[in-house]
N, C-alpha and C. Protein backbone atom coordinates (compact mmCIF):
# COMPACT_ATOMS: atom_id res chain seq x y z
N MET A 1 0.38 1.63 -13.52
CA MET A 1 -0.25 1.48 -12.41
C MET A 1 0.25 0.47 -11.41
N GLU A 2 1.28 -0.04 -11.67
CA GLU A 2 2.00 -0.94 -10.55
C GLU A 2 2.30 -0.12 -9.39
N LEU A 3 2.67 1.20 -9.54
CA LEU A 3 2.87 2.07 -8.37
C LEU A 3 1.78 2.26 -7.69
N LEU A 4 0.69 2.34 -8.07
CA LEU A 4 -0.50 2.43 -7.34
C LEU A 4 -0.69 1.24 -6.30
N SER A 5 -0.67 0.07 -7.07
CA SER A 5 -0.93 -1.04 -6.28
C SER A 5 0.20 -1.20 -5.11
N LYS A 6 1.34 -0.75 -5.61
CA LYS A 6 2.46 -0.94 -4.35
C LYS A 6 2.16 0.09 -3.22
N SER A 7 1.55 1.27 -3.80
CA SER A 7 1.34 2.35 -2.59
C SER A 7 0.23 1.88 -1.67
N PHE A 8 -0.87 1.20 -2.47
CA PHE A 8 -1.92 0.70 -1.68
C PHE A 8 -1.67 -0.34 -0.70
N LEU A 9 -0.61 -1.19 -1.13
CA LEU A 9 -0.33 -2.24 -0.13
C LEU A 9 0.45 -1.63 1.07
N HIS A 10 1.43 -0.71 0.79
CA HIS A 10 2.03 -0.07 1.82
C HIS A 10 1.25 0.50 2.64
N THR A 11 0.21 1.22 2.20
CA THR A 11 -0.61 1.96 3.01
C THR A 11 -1.49 0.90 4.07
N ALA A 12 -1.95 -0.16 3.39
CA ALA A 12 -2.57 -1.04 4.13
C ALA A 12 -1.80 -1.82 5.35
N LEU A 13 -0.40 -1.99 4.93
CA LEU A 13 0.45 -2.42 6.09
C LEU A 13 0.48 -1.61 7.03
N VAL A 14 0.82 -0.34 6.74
CA VAL A 14 1.04 0.86 7.71
C VAL A 14 -0.20 1.01 8.63
N GLU A 15 -1.41 1.04 8.08
CA GLU A 15 -2.56 1.24 8.79
C GLU A 15 -2.80 -0.05 9.71
N ARG A 16 -2.53 -1.23 9.27
CA ARG A 16 -2.75 -2.48 9.90
C ARG A 16 -1.82 -2.41 11.37
N GLN A 17 -0.57 -1.81 11.25
CA GLN A 17 0.23 -1.90 12.26
C GLN A 17 -0.19 -1.16 13.43
């Protein structure tokens, strides 16, 4: 489930930009 957390963080970062 760590992969999901990483994916979520990446998405949040991309959406923030």
